[in-house]
PDB file of N, CA and C in Angstrom:
ATOM      1  N   UNK A   1       0.915  -1.019   0.063  1.00  0.00           N
ATOM      2  CA  UNK A   1      -0.090  -0.075  -0.003  1.00  0.00           C
ATOM      3  C   UNK A   1       0.922   1.177   0.098  1.00  0.00           C
ATOM      4  N   UNK A   2       0.641   2.263  -0.806  1.00  0.00           N
ATOM      5  CA  UNK A   2       1.400   3.370  -1.090  1.00  0.00           C
ATOM      6  C   UNK A   2       0.661   4.321  -0.047  1.00  0.00           C
ATOM      7  N   UNK A   3       1.331   4.957   0.824  1.00  0.00           N
ATOM      8  CA  UNK A   3       0.809   6.169   1.578  1.00  0.00           C
ATOM      9  C   UNK A   3       1.372   7.442   1.122  1.00  0.00           C
ATOM     10  N   UNK A   4       0.649   8.333   1.525  1.00  0.00           N
ATOM     11  CA  UNK A   4       1.007   9.684   1.049  1.00  0.00           C
ATOM     12  C   UNK A   4       1.409  10.228   2.668  1.00  0.00           C
ATOM     13  N   UNK A   5       2.706  10.869   2.473  1.00  0.00           N
ATOM     14  CA  UNK A   5       3.207  11.496   3.849  1.00  0.00           C
ATOM     15  C   UNK A   5       3.704  12.750   3.421  1.00  0.00           C
ATOM     16  N   UNK A   6       3.712  13.751   4.238  1.00  0.00           N
ATOM     17  CA  UNK A   6       4.069  14.855   4.132  1.00  0.00           C
ATOM     18  C   UNK A   6       5.324  15.147   5.213  1.00  0.00           C
ATOM     19  N   UNK A   7       6.270  15.879   4.795  1.00  0.00           N
ATOM     20  CA  UNK A   7       7.510  16.350   5.469  1.00  0.00           C
ATOM     21  C   UNK A   7       7.098  17.540   6.137  1.00  0.00           C
ATOM     22  N   UNK A   8       7.138  17.634   7.455  1.00  0.00           N
ATOM     23  CA  UNK A   8       6.799  19.071   8.128  1.00  0.00           C
ATOM     24  C   UNK A   8       7.887  19.792   8.792  1.00  0.00           C
ATOM     25  N   UNK A   9       7.647  20.882   8.727  1.00  0.00           N
ATOM     26  CA  UNK A   9       8.838  21.770   9.504  1.00  0.00           C
ATOM     27  C   UNK A   9       8.125  22.415  10.602  1.00  0.00           C
ATOM     28  N   UNK A  10       8.548  22.213  11.788  1.00  0.00           N
ATOM     29  CA  UNK A  10       8.074  22.880  13.069  1.00  0.00           C
ATOM     30  C   UNK A  10       8.886  23.930  13.247  1.00  0.00           C
ATOM     31  N   UNK A  11       8.271  25.176  13.312  1.00  0.00           N
ATOM     32  CA  UNK A  11       9.112  26.514  13.883  1.00  0.00           C
ATOM     33  C   UNK A  11       8.625  26.659  15.240  1.00  0.00           C
ATOM     34  N   UNK A  12       9.475  26.352  16.103  1.00  0.00           N
ATOM     35  CA  UNK A  12       9.296  26.579  17.533  1.00  0.00           C
ATOM     36  C   UNK A  12       9.454  27.914  18.074  1.00  0.00           C
ATOM     37  N   UNK A  13       8.425  28.616  18.637  1.00  0.00           N
ATOM     38  CA  UNK A  13       8.724  29.882  19.133  1.00  0.00           C
ATOM     39  C   UNK A  13       9.180  29.859  20.641  1.00  0.00           C
ATOM     40  N   UNK A  14       9.649  30.729  21.210  1.00  0.00           N
ATOM     41  CA  UNK A  14      10.166  30.924  22.715  1.00  0.00           C
ATOM     42  C   UNK A  14       9.043  30.759  23.581  1.00  0.00           C
ATOM     43  N   UNK A  15       7.757  31.091  23.119  1.00  0.00           N
ATOM     44  CA  UNK A  15       6.725  31.160  24.174  1.00  0.00           C
ATOM     45  C   UNK A  15       5.809  29.976  24.301  1.00  0.00           C
ATOM     46  N   UNK A  16       4.754  29.813  23.636  1.00  0.00           N
ATOM     47  CA  UNK A  16       3.739  28.753  23.854  1.00  0.00           C
ATOM     48  C   UNK A  16       3.626  27.737  22.770  1.00  0.00           C
ATOM     49  N   UNK A  17       3.116  26.640  23.096  1.00  0.00           N
ATOM     50  CA  UNK A  17       2.768  25.689  21.905  1.00  0.00           C
ATOM     51  C   UNK A  17       1.637  26.523  20.877  1.00  0.00           C
ATOM     52  N   UNK A  18       0.991  27.127  21.325  1.00  0.00           N
ATOM     53  CA  UNK A  18       0.059  27.864  20.353  1.00  0.00           C
ATOM     54  C   UNK A  18       0.661  28.871  19.453  1.00  0.00           C
ATOM     55  N   UNK A  19       1.916  29.206  19.648  1.00  0.00           N
ATOM     56  CA  UNK A  19       2.824  30.193  18.758  1.00  0.00           C
ATOM     57  C   UNK A  19       3.355  29.331  17.792  1.00  0.00           C
ATOM     58  N   UNK A  20       3.359  27.933  17.872  1.00  0.00           N
ATOM     59  CA  UNK A  20       4.076  27.202  16.650  1.00  0.00           C
ATOM     60  C   UNK A  20       3.489  27.391  15.400  1.00  0.00           C
ATOM     61  N   UNK A  21       4.235  27.140  14.372  1.00  0.00           N
ATOM     62  CA  UNK A  21       3.830  27.172  12.929  1.00  0.00           C
ATOM     63  C   UNK A  21       4.300  25.908  12.327  1.00  0.00           C
ATOM     64  N   UNK A  22       3.365  25.251  11.505  1.00  0.00           N
ATOM     65  CA  UNK A  22       3.674  24.162  10.725  1.00  0.00           C
ATOM     66  C   UNK A  22       3.616  24.352   9.216  1.00  0.00           C
ATOM     67  N   UNK A  23       4.573  23.973   8.500  1.00  0.00           N
ATOM     68  CA  UNK A  23       4.467  24.340   7.236  1.00  0.00           C
ATOM     69  C   UNK A  23       4.959  23.083   6.443  1.00  0.00           C
ATOM     70  N   UNK A  24       4.404  22.697   5.552  1.00  0.00           N
ATOM     71  CA  UNK A  24       4.647  21.486   4.490  1.00  0.00           C
ATOM     72  C   UNK A  24       5.607  21.924   3.703  1.00  0.00           C
ATOM     73  N   UNK A  25       6.723  21.206   3.512  1.00  0.00           N
ATOM     74  CA  UNK A  25       7.799  21.570   2.625  1.00  0.00           C
ATOM     75  C   UNK A  25       7.966  20.299   1.578  1.00  0.00           C
ATOM     76  N   UNK A  26       7.319  19.329   1.427  1.00  0.00           N
ATOM     77  CA  UNK A  26       7.148  18.315   0.671  1.00  0.00           C
ATOM     78  C   UNK A  26       6.173  17.144   0.782  1.00  0.00           C
ATOM     79  N   UNK A  27       5.455  16.998  -0.124  1.00  0.00           N
ATOM     80  CA  UNK A  27       4.257  16.065  -0.010  1.00  0.00           C
ATOM     81  C   UNK A  27       4.447  14.975  -0.892  1.00  0.00           C
ATOM     82  N   UNK A  28       3.577  13.854  -0.746  1.00  0.00           N
ATOM     83  CA  UNK A  28       3.473  12.778  -1.742  1.00  0.00           C
ATOM     84  C   UNK A  28       4.986  11.795  -1.712  1.00  0.00           C
ATOM     85  N   UNK A  29       5.470  11.868  -0.350  1.00  0.00           N
ATOM     86  CA  UNK A  29       6.514  10.932  -0.303  1.00  0.00           C
ATOM     87  C   UNK A  29       6.153   9.585   0.298  1.00  0.00           C
ATOM     88  N   UNK A  30       6.698   8.616  -0.221  1.00  0.00           N
ATOM     89  CA  UNK A  30       6.671   7.241   0.089  1.00  0.00           C
ATOM     90  C   UNK A  30       7.452   6.710   1.192  1.00  0.00           C
ATOM     91  N   UNK A  31       7.167   6.586   2.355  1.00  0.00           N
ATOM     92  CA  UNK A  31       7.824   6.397   3.618  1.00  0.00           C
ATOM     93  C   UNK A  31       9.224   6.949   3.615  1.00  0.00           C
ATOM     94  N   UNK A  32       8.945   8.328   3.947  1.00  0.00           N
ATOM     95  CA  UNK A  32      10.331   9.003   4.075  1.00  0.00           C
ATOM     96  C   UNK A  32      11.042   8.455   5.370  1.00  0.00           C
ATOM     97  N   UNK A  33      12.394   8.542   5.145  1.00  0.00           N
ATOM     98  CA  UNK A  33      13.175   7.666   6.232  1.00  0.00           C
ATOM     99  C   UNK A  33      14.148   8.800   6.923  1.00  0.00           C
ATOM    100  N   UNK A  34      15.095   9.451   6.108  1.00  0.00           N
ATOM    101  CA  UNK A  34      15.943  10.277   6.570  1.00  0.00           C
ATOM    102  C   UNK A  34      15.913  11.587   6.027  1.00  0.00           C
ATOM    103  N   UNK A  35      16.478  12.679   6.668  1.00  0.00           N
ATOM    104  CA  UNK A  35      16.319  14.020   6.091  1.00  0.00           C
ATOM    105  C   UNK A  35      17.940  14.615   6.508  1.00  0.00           C
ATOM    106  N   UNK A  36      18.519  15.408   5.525  1.00  0.00           N
ATOM    107  CA  UNK A  36      19.786  16.193   5.595  1.00  0.00           C
ATOM    108  C   UNK A  36      19.682  17.429   5.077  1.00  0.00           C
ATOM    109  N   UNK A  37      19.871  18.355   5.555  1.00  0.00           N
ATOM    110  CA  UNK A  37      20.069  19.898   4.994  1.00  0.00           C
ATOM    111  C   UNK A  37      21.473  20.052   4.504  1.00  0.00           C
ATOM    112  N   UNK A  38      21.489  20.766   3.205  1.00  0.00           N
ATOM    113  CA  UNK A  38      22.826  21.165   2.687  1.00  0.00           C
ATOM    114  C   UNK A  38      23.005  22.642   3.307  1.00  0.00           C
ATOM    115  N   UNK A  39      24.184  23.069   3.422  1.00  0.00           N
ATOM    116  CA  UNK A  39      24.529  24.338   3.885  1.00  0.00           C
ATOM    117  C   UNK A  39      23.845  25.467   2.994  1.00  0.00           C
ATOM    118  N   UNK A  40      23.471  25.334   1.783  1.00  0.00           N
ATOM    119  CA  UNK A  40      22.775  26.246   0.855  1.00  0.00           C
ATOM    120  C   UNK A  40      21.083  26.134   1.010  1.00  0.00           C
ATOM    121  N   UNK A  41      20.619  25.299   2.079  1.00  0.00           N
ATOM    122  CA  UNK A  41      19.398  25.378   2.410  1.00  0.00           C
ATOM    123  C   UNK A  41      18.463  24.163   1.638  1.00  0.00           C
ATOM    124  N   UNK A  42      19.071  23.506   0.753  1.00  0.00           N
ATOM    125  CA  UNK A  42      18.450  22.364  -0.021  1.00  0.00           C
ATOM    126  C   UNK A  42      18.254  21.165   1.137  1.00  0.00           C
ATOM    127  N   UNK A  43      17.179  20.470   0.712  1.00  0.00           N
ATOM    128  CA  UNK A  43      16.687  19.394   1.839  1.00  0.00           C
ATOM    129  C   UNK A  43      16.938  18.152   1.122  1.00  0.00           C
ATOM    130  N   UNK A  44      17.605  17.196   1.450  1.00  0.00           N
ATOM    131  CA  UNK A  44      17.577  15.790   0.904  1.00  0.00           C
ATOM    132  C   UNK A  44      16.982  14.977   1.659  1.00  0.00           C
ATOM    133  N   UNK A  45      16.143  14.159   1.101  1.00  0.00           N
ATOM    134  CA  UNK A  45      15.329  13.035   1.954  1.00  0.00           C
ATOM    135  C   UNK A  45      15.431  11.657   1.261  1.00  0.00           C
ATOM    136  N   UNK A  46      15.348  10.409   2.126  1.00  0.00           N
ATOM    137  CA  UNK A  46      15.302   9.258   1.518  1.00  0.00           C
ATOM    138  C   UNK A  46      13.989   8.701   1.550  1.00  0.00           C
ATOM    139  N   UNK A  47      13.587   7.883   0.595  1.00  0.00           N
ATOM    140  CA  UNK A  47      12.283   7.311   0.729  1.00  0.00           C
ATOM    141  C   UNK A  47      12.328   5.774   0.596  1.00  0.00           C
ATOM    142  N   UNK A  48      12.015   5.089   1.383  1.00  0.00           N
ATOM    143  CA  UNK A  48      12.388   3.595   1.743  1.00  0.00           C
ATOM    144  C   UNK A  48      12.264   2.802   0.289  1.00  0.00           C
ATOM    145  N   UNK A  49      11.371   2.967  -0.671  1.00  0.00           N
ATOM    146  CA  UNK A  49      11.553   2.324  -2.034  1.00  0.00           C
ATOM    147  C   UNK A  49      12.814   2.569  -2.760  1.00  0.00           C
ATOM    148  N   UNK A  50      13.606   3.452  -2.435  1.00  0.00           N
ATOM    149  CA  UNK A  50      14.739   3.763  -3.230  1.00  0.00           C
ATOM    150  C   UNK A  50      15.161   4.945  -3.647  1.00  0.00           C
ATOM    151  N   UNK A  51      14.144   6.022  -3.450  1.00  0.00           N
ATOM    152  CA  UNK A  51      14.374   7.211  -4.182  1.00  0.00           C
ATOM    153  C   UNK A  51      14.981   8.189  -3.180  1.00  0.00           C
ATOM    154  N   UNK A  52      16.068   9.036  -3.630  1.00  0.00           N
ATOM    155  CA  UNK A  52      16.517  10.075  -3.022  1.00  0.00           C
ATOM    156  C   UNK A  52      16.028  11.446  -3.517  1.00  0.00           C
ATOM    157  N   UNK A  53      15.344  12.374  -2.862  1.00  0.00           N
ATOM    158  CA  UNK A  53      14.771  13.335  -3.254  1.00  0.00           C
ATOM    159  C   UNK A  53      15.407  14.765  -2.800  1.00  0.00           C
ATOM    160  N   UNK A  54      15.173  15.705  -3.280  1.00  0.00           N
ATOM    161  CA  UNK A  54      15.744  16.857  -3.050  1.00  0.00           C
ATOM    162  C   UNK A  54      14.561  18.010  -3.029  1.00  0.00           C
ATOM    163  N   UNK A  55      14.527  18.973  -1.979  1.00  0.00           N
ATOM    164  CA  UNK A  55      13.394  20.013  -1.882  1.00  0.00           C
ATOM    165  C   UNK A  55      14.230  21.325  -1.771  1.00  0.00           C
ATOM    166  N   UNK A  56      13.796  22.125  -2.881  1.00  0.00           N
ATOM    167  CA  UNK A  56      14.775  23.272  -3.121  1.00  0.00           C
ATOM    168  C   UNK A  56      13.644  24.394  -3.675  1.00  0.00           C
ATOM    169  N   UNK A  57      13.440  25.572  -2.885  1.00  0.00           N
ATOM    170  CA  UNK A  57      12.391  26.529  -3.290  1.00  0.00           C
ATOM    171  C   UNK A  57      11.045  26.055  -3.582  1.00  0.00           C
ATOM    172  N   UNK A  58      10.658  25.199  -2.637  1.00  0.00           N
ATOM    173  CA  UNK A  58       9.203  24.528  -2.591  1.00  0.00           C
ATOM    174  C   UNK A  58       9.083  23.592  -3.732  1.00  0.00           C
ATOM    175  N   UNK A  59      10.099  23.242  -4.372  1.00  0.00           N
ATOM    176  CA  UNK A  59       9.924  22.142  -5.250  1.00  0.00           C
ATOM    177  C   UNK A  59      10.684  20.896  -5.187  1.00  0.00           C
ATOM    178  N   UNK A  60      10.148  19.768  -5.148  1.00  0.00           N
ATOM    179  CA  UNK A  60      10.513  18.388  -4.820  1.00  0.00           C
ATOM    180  C   UNK A  60      11.020  17.661  -6.054  1.00  0.00           C
ATOM    181  N   UNK A  61      12.144  17.375  -6.142  1.00  0.00           N
ATOM    182  CA  UNK A  61      12.677  16.749  -7.251  1.00  0.00           C
ATOM    183  C   UNK A  61      13.233  15.412  -6.977  1.00  0.00           C
ATOM    184  N   UNK A  62      13.354  14.003  -7.708  1.00  0.00           N
ATOM    185  CA  UNK A  62      14.123  12.947  -7.572  1.00  0.00           C
ATOM    186  C   UNK A  62      15.555  13.016  -7.953  1.00  0.00           C
ATOM    187  N   UNK A  63      16.598  12.963  -7.257  1.00  0.00           N
ATOM    188  CA  UNK A  63      17.987  13.025  -7.475  1.00  0.00           C
ATOM    189  C   UNK A  63      18.215  11.638  -8.130  1.00  0.00           C
ATOM    190  N   UNK A  64      18.011  10.553  -7.479  1.00  0.00           N
ATOM    191  CA  UNK A  64      18.313   9.235  -7.710  1.00  0.00           C
ATOM    192  C   UNK A  64      17.223   8.381  -7.207  1.00  0.00           C
ATOM    193  N   UNK A  65      17.431   7.058  -8.088  1.00  0.00           N
ATOM    194  CA  UNK A  65      16.647   6.190  -7.585  1.00  0.00           C
ATOM    195  C   UNK A  65      17.458   4.909  -7.477  1.00  0.00           C
ATOM    196  N   UNK A  66      17.727   4.271  -6.453  1.00  0.00           N
ATOM    197  CA  UNK A  66      18.436   3.169  -6.233  1.00  0.00           C
ATOM    198  C   UNK A  66      17.748   1.838  -6.063  1.00  0.00           C
ATOM    199  N   UNK A  67      18.369   0.598  -6.622  1.00  0.00           N
ATOM    200  CA  UNK A  67      17.607  -0.551  -6.625  1.00  0.00           C
ATOM    201  C   UNK A  67      18.020  -1.124  -5.047  1.00  0.00           C
ATOM    202  N   UNK A  68      16.859  -1.101  -4.287  1.00  0.00           N
ATOM    203  CA  UNK A  68      16.802  -1.440  -2.920  1.00  0.00           C
ATOM    204  C   UNK A  68      15.994  -2.636  -2.848  1.00  0.00           C
ATOM    205  N   UNK A  69      16.348  -3.493  -1.756  1.00  0.00           N
ATOM    206  CA  UNK A  69      15.382  -4.507  -1.272  1.00  0.00           C
ATOM    207  C   UNK A  69      14.413  -3.853  -0.106  1.00  0.00           C
ATOM    208  N   UNK A  70      13.455  -3.461  -0.518  1.00  0.00           N
ATOM    209  CA  UNK A  70      12.412  -2.878   0.545  1.00  0.00           C
ATOM    210  C   UNK A  70      11.470  -3.838   1.063  1.00  0.00           C
ATOM    211  N   UNK A  71      12.093  -4.546   1.841  1.00  0.00           N
ATOM    212  CA  UNK A  71      11.452  -5.860   2.361  1.00  0.00           C
ATOM    213  C   UNK A  71      11.611  -5.955   3.886  1.00  0.00           C
ATOM    214  N   UNK A  72      10.592  -6.229   4.671  1.00  0.00           N
ATOM    215  CA  UNK A  72      10.742  -6.305   6.032  1.00  0.00           C
ATOM    216  C   UNK A  72      11.231  -5.034   6.712  1.00  0.00           C
ATOM    217  N   UNK A  73      12.199  -4.920   7.245  1.00  0.00           N
ATOM    218  CA  UNK A  73      12.802  -3.806   7.907  1.00  0.00           C
ATOM    219  C   UNK A  73      13.835  -2.874   6.793  1.00  0.00           C
ATOM    220  N   UNK A  74      13.833  -3.600   5.706  1.00  0.00           N
ATOM    221  CA  UNK A  74      14.778  -2.944   4.704  1.00  0.00           C
ATOM    222  C   UNK A  74      14.237  -1.925   3.815  1.00  0.00           C
ATOM    223  N   UNK A  75      15.255  -1.305   2.809  1.00  0.00           N
ATOM    224  CA  UNK A  75      14.982  -0.291   1.913  1.00  0.00           C
ATOM    225  C   UNK A  75      16.029   0.670   1.951  1.00  0.00           C
ATOM    226  N   UNK A  76      15.696   1.727   1.417  1.00  0.00           N
ATOM    227  CA  UNK A  76      16.606   2.926   1.617  1.00  0.00           C
ATOM    228  C   UNK A  76      16.444   3.498   2.875  1.00  0.00           C
ATOM    229  N   UNK A  77      17.354   3.817   3.675  1.00  0.00           N
ATOM    230  CA  UNK A  77      17.312   4.193   5.019  1.00  0.00           C
ATOM    231  C   UNK A  77      18.048   5.444   5.458  1.00  0.00           C
ATOM    232  N   UNK A  78      19.190   5.421   5.987  1.00  0.00           N
ATOM    233  CA  UNK A  78      20.095   6.558   6.190  1.00  0.00           C
ATOM    234  C   UNK A  78      20.551   7.424   5.195  1.00  0.00           C
ATOM    235  N   UNK A  79      20.817   8.682   5.558  1.00  0.00           N
ATOM    236  CA  UNK A  79      21.461   9.677   4.684  1.00  0.00           C
ATOM    237  C   UNK A  79      22.300  10.621   5.533  1.00  0.00           C
ATOM    238  N   UNK A  80      23.495  10.818   4.746  1.00  0.00           N
ATOM    239  CA  UNK A  80      24.395  11.888   5.497  1.00  0.00           C
ATOM    240  C   UNK A  80      25.174  12.458   4.263  1.00  0.00           C
ATOM    241  N   UNK A  81      25.247  13.777   4.292  1.00  0.00           N
ATOM    242  CA  UNK A  81      26.160  14.770   3.254  1.00  0.00           C
ATOM    243  C   UNK A  81      27.477  14.651   3.692  1.00  0.00           C
ATOM    244  N   UNK A  82      28.180  14.655   2.772  1.00  0.00           N
ATOM    245  CA  UNK A  82      29.808  14.804   2.823  1.00  0.00           C
ATOM    246  C   UNK A  82      30.131  16.048   3.394  1.00  0.00           C
ATOM    247  N   UNK A  83      31.063  16.184   4.411  1.00  0.00           N
ATOM    248  CA  UNK A  83      31.323  17.384   5.205  1.00  0.00           C
ATOM    249  C   UNK A  83      31.792  18.567   4.138  1.00  0.00           C
ATOM    250  N   UNK A  84      32.182  18.107   2.820  1.00  0.00           N
ATOM    251  CA  UNK A  84      32.365  19.003   1.774  1.00  0.00           C
ATOM    252  C   UNK A  84      31.407  18.930   0.741  1.00  0.00           C
ATOM    253  N   UNK A  85      30.179  18.592   1.090  1.00  0.00           N
ATOM    254  CA  UNK A  85      29.134  18.661   0.088  1.00  0.00           C
ATOM    255  C   UNK A  85      29.048  19.498  -0.985  1.00  0.00           C
ATOM    256  N   UNK A  86      29.181  20.731  -0.732  1.00  0.00           N
ATOM    257  CA  UNK A  86      29.049  21.884  -1.766  1.00  0.00           C
ATOM    258  C   UNK A  86      30.167  21.809  -2.705  1.00  0.00           C
ATOM    259  N   UNK A  87      31.196  21.224  -2.278  1.00  0.00           N
ATOM    260  CA  UNK A  87      32.314  21.092  -3.345  1.00  0.00           C
ATOM    261  C   UNK A  87      32.303  19.661  -3.952  1.00  0.00           C
ATOM    262  N   UNK A  88      32.000  18.810  -3.417  1.00  0.00           N
ATOM    263  CA  UNK A  88      31.968  17.198  -3.850  1.00  0.00           C
ATOM    264  C   UNK A  88      30.674  16.865  -4.582  1.00  0.00           C
ATOM    265  N   UNK A  89      29.452  17.401  -3.969  1.00  0.00           N
ATOM    266  CA  UNK A  89      28.160  16.754  -4.155  1.00  0.00           C
ATOM    267  C   UNK A  89      27.999  15.403  -3.894  1.00  0.00           C
ATOM    268  N   UNK A  90      28.771  14.985  -3.010  1.00  0.00           N
ATOM    269  CA  UNK A  90      28.801  13.389  -2.472  1.00  0.00           C
ATOM    270  C   UNK A  90      27.858  13.361  -1.396  1.00  0.00           C
ATOM    271  N   UNK A  91      27.059  12.441  -1.262  1.00  0.00           N
ATOM    272  CA  UNK A  91      26.354  12.061  -0.034  1.00  0.00           C
ATOM    273  C   UNK A  91      26.416  10.480   0.312  1.00  0.00           C
ATOM    274  N   UNK A  92      26.216  10.185   1.321  1.00  0.00           N
ATOM    275  CA  UNK A  92      26.290   8.728   2.012  1.00  0.00           C
ATOM    276  C   UNK A  92      24.945   8.277   2.149  1.00  0.00           C
ATOM    277  N   UNK A  93      24.490   6.987   1.565  1.00  0.00           N
ATOM    278  CA  UNK A  93      23.252   6.427   2.077  1.00  0.00           C
ATOM    279  C   UNK A  93      23.466   4.842   2.518  1.00  0.00           C
ATOM    280  N   UNK A  94      22.595   4.607   3.238  1.00  0.00           N
ATOM    281  CA  UNK A  94      22.717   3.045   4.085  1.00  0.00           C
ATOM    282  C   UNK A  94      21.259   2.471   3.336  1.00  0.00           C
ATOM    283  N   UNK A  95      21.228   1.358   2.453  1.00  0.00           N
ATOM    284  CA  UNK A  95      20.129   0.688   2.177  1.00  0.00           C
ATOM    285  C   UNK A  95      20.291  -0.866   2.194  1.00  0.00           C
ATOM    286  N   UNK A  96      19.338  -1.645   2.163  1.00  0.00           N
ATOM    287  CA  UNK A  96      19.209  -2.936   2.007  1.00  0.00           C
ATOM    288  C   UNK A  96      19.227  -3.346   0.507  1.00  0.00           C
ATOM    289  N   UNK A  97      20.101  -4.379   0.335  1.00  0.00           N
ATOM    290  CA  UNK A  97      20.167  -4.981  -1.095  1.00  0.00           C
ATOM    291  C   UNK A  97      20.181  -6.487  -0.965  1.00  0.00           C
ATOM    292  N   UNK A  98      19.792  -6.978  -2.163  1.00  0.00           N
ATOM    293  CA  UNK A  98      19.670  -8.449  -2.371  1.00  0.00           C
ATOM    294  C   UNK A  98      20.854  -8.743  -3.073  1.00  0.00           C
ATOM    295  N   UNK A  99      21.858  -9.707  -2.396  1.00  0.00           N
ATOM    296  CA  UNK A  99      23.060  -9.954  -2.895  1.00  0.00           C
ATOM    297  C   UNK A  99      22.924 -11.470  -3.059  1.00  0.00           C
ATOM    298  N   UNK A 100      22.636 -12.054  -4.202  1.00  0.00           N
ATOM    299  CA  UNK A 100      22.617 -13.463  -4.348  1.00  0.00           C
ATOM    300  C   UNK A 100      21.697 -14.316  -3.518  1.00  0.00           C
ATOM    301  N   UNK A 101      20.295 -13.485  -3.337  1.00  0.00           N
ATOM    302  CA  UNK A 101      19.319 -14.181  -2.540  1.00  0.00           C
ATOM    303  C   UNK A 101      19.607 -13.804  -0.956  1.00  0.00           C
ATOM    304  N   UNK A 102      20.507 -13.211  -0.840  1.00  0.00           N
ATOM    305  CA  UNK A 102      20.733 -12.779   0.637  1.00  0.00           C
ATOM    306  C   UNK A 102      20.466 -11.429   0.942  1.00  0.00           C
ATOM    307  N   UNK A 103      19.989 -10.942   2.061  1.00  0.00           N
ATOM    308  CA  UNK A 103      19.808  -9.454   2.173  1.00  0.00           C
ATOM    309  C   UNK A 103      21.046  -9.079   2.778  1.00  0.00           C
ATOM    310  N   UNK A 104      21.592  -7.954   2.385  1.00  0.00           N
ATOM    311  CA  UNK A 104      22.617  -7.249   3.041  1.00  0.00           C
ATOM    312  C   UNK A 104      22.339  -5.757   3.149  1.00  0.00           C
ATOM    313  N   UNK A 105      22.881  -5.182   4.114  1.00  0.00           N
ATOM    314  CA  UNK A 105      22.868  -3.667   4.342  1.00  0.00           C
ATOM    315  C   UNK A 105      24.063  -3.130   3.720  1.00  0.00           C
ATOM    316  N   UNK A 106      23.873  -2.073   2.936  1.00  0.00           N
ATOM    317  CA  UNK A 106      25.049  -1.692   2.195  1.00  0.00           C
ATOM    318  C   UNK A 106      24.964  -0.083   2.457  1.00  0.00           C
ATOM    319  N   UNK A 107      26.415   0.432   2.637  1.00  0.00           N
ATOM    320  CA  UNK A 107      26.697   1.804   2.844  1.00  0.00           C
ATOM    321  C   UNK A 107      27.433   2.186   1.643  1.00  0.00           C
ATOM    322  N   UNK A 108      27.075   3.286   0.823  1.00  0.00           N
ATOM    323  CA  UNK A 108      27.413   3.523  -0.437  1.00  0.00           C
ATOM    324  C   UNK A 108      27.444   5.325  -0.438  1.00  0.00           C
ATOM    325  N   UNK A 109      28.627   5.319  -1.147  1.00  0.00           N
ATOM    326  CA  UNK A 109      29.045   6.899  -1.333  1.00  0.00           C
ATOM    327  C   UNK A 109      28.300   7.257  -2.821  1.00  0.00           C
ATOM    328  N   UNK A 110      27.648   8.147  -2.705  1.00  0.00           N
ATOM    329  CA  UNK A 110      26.683   8.481  -3.936  1.00  0.00           C
ATOM    330  C   UNK A 110      27.096   9.778  -4.390  1.00  0.00           C
ATOM    331  N   UNK A 111      27.570  10.119  -5.582  1.00  0.00           N
ATOM    332  CA  UNK A 111      27.802  11.306  -6.279  1.00  0.00           C
ATOM    333  C   UNK A 111      26.551  11.811  -6.955  1.00  0.00           C
ATOM    334  N   UNK A 112      25.971  12.917  -6.522  1.00  0.00           N
ATOM    335  CA  UNK A 112      24.763  13.363  -7.085  1.00  0.00           C
ATOM    336  C   UNK A 112      24.772  13.640  -8.439  1.00  0.00           C
ATOM    337  N   UNK A 113      25.893  13.699  -9.141  1.00  0.00           N
ATOM    338  CA  UNK A 113      26.132  14.026 -10.465  1.00  0.00           C
ATOM    339  C   UNK A 113      26.547  12.755 -11.163  1.00  0.00           C
ATOM    340  N   UNK A 114      27.373  11.899 -10.868  1.00  0.00           N
ATOM    341  CA  UNK A 114      27.797  10.740 -11.495  1.00  0.00           C
ATOM    342  C   UNK A 114      27.225   9.276 -10.755  1.00  0.00           C
ATOM    343  N   UNK A 115      26.611   9.205  -9.981  1.00  0.00           N
ATOM    344  CA  UNK A 115      25.700   8.001  -9.562  1.00  0.00           C
ATOM    345  C   UNK A 115      26.617   7.287  -8.419  1.00  0.00           C
ATOM    346  N   UNK A 116      26.344   6.063  -8.174  1.00  0.00           N
ATOM    347  CA  UNK A 116      27.037   5.369  -7.127  1.00  0.00           C
ATOM    348  C   UNK A 116      28.501   5.312  -7.279  1.00  0.00           C
ATOM    349  N   UNK A 117      29.265   5.530  -6.348  1.00  0.00           N
ATOM    350  CA  UNK A 117      30.566   5.627  -6.302  1.00  0.00           C
ATOM    351  C   UNK A 117      31.321   4.175  -5.705  1.00  0.00           C
ATOM    352  N   UNK A 118      31.076   3.974  -4.338  1.00  0.00           N
ATOM    353  CA  UNK A 118      31.656   2.821  -3.822  1.00  0.00           C
ATOM    354  C   UNK A 118      30.510   2.440  -2.782  1.00  0.00           C
ATOM    355  N   UNK A 119      30.717   1.000  -2.704  1.00  0.00           N
ATOM    356  CA  UNK A 119      29.933   0.314  -1.577  1.00  0.00           C
ATOM    357  C   UNK A 119      30.459  -0.544  -0.660  1.00  0.00           C
ATOM    358  N   UNK A 120      29.924  -0.690   0.578  1.00  0.00           N
ATOM    359  CA  UNK A 120      30.586  -1.761   1.535  1.00  0.00           C
ATOM    360  C   UNK A 120      29.404  -2.296   2.073  1.00  0.00           C
ATOM    361  N   UNK A 121      29.508  -3.813   1.884  1.00  0.00           N
ATOM    362  CA  UNK A 121      28.228  -4.434   2.527  1.00  0.00           C
ATOM    363  C   UNK A 121      28.432  -4.706   3.879  1.00  0.00           C
ATOM    364  N   UNK A 122      27.270  -4.528   4.758  1.00  0.00           N
ATOM    365  CA  UNK A 122      27.414  -4.741   6.127  1.00  0.00           C
ATOM    366  C   UNK A 122      26.775  -5.852   6.660  1.00  0.00           C
ATOM    367  N   UNK A 123      26.564  -6.065   7.875  1.00  0.00           N
ATOM    368  CA  UNK A 123      25.689  -7.596   8.380  1.00  0.00           C
ATOM    369  C   UNK A 123      24.400  -7.314   7.746  1.00  0.00           C
ATOM    370  N   UNK A 124      23.735  -8.481   7.565  1.00  0.00           N
ATOM    371  CA  UNK A 124      22.329  -8.671   6.967  1.00  0.00           C
ATOM    372  C   UNK A 124      21.267  -8.039   8.108  1.00  0.00           C
ATOM    373  N   UNK A 125      20.194  -7.612   7.762  1.00  0.00           N
ATOM    374  CA  UNK A 125      19.347  -6.888   8.573  1.00  0.00           C
ATOM    375  C   UNK A 125      18.661  -8.203   9.599  1.00  0.00           C
ATOM    376  N   UNK A 126      18.139  -7.655  10.614  1.00  0.00           N
ATOM    377  CA  UNK A 126      17.596  -8.526  11.639  1.00  0.00           C
ATOM    378  C   UNK A 126      16.210  -8.954  11.136  1.00  0.00           C
TER     379      UNK A 126
END
């Protein structure tokens, strides 16, 4: 079943809960899992079925789609931007892959322009 989920930003005021504002910055995401902000304000988000999205100026676009095994607790999970992301365009993701019929968690350096750069297989998911 495909659900529609919205990523929300909560702007907390110094006073009361009633003073909070909630703004939708991206909608129509399928099981969003991890978020990372670039220093230029772009928001990157992973979706469990394998999509890496980018939200910029109120528009959401898919940066990459990875072949993941979105079964059980698996799929596209974690996301971290390279410390020099503005220079390298590189981000790191963790996802579950099917390796010869066996599920493995994989950590991958992904260049937003060139695609997958290197991978390291980790222990299989529980």
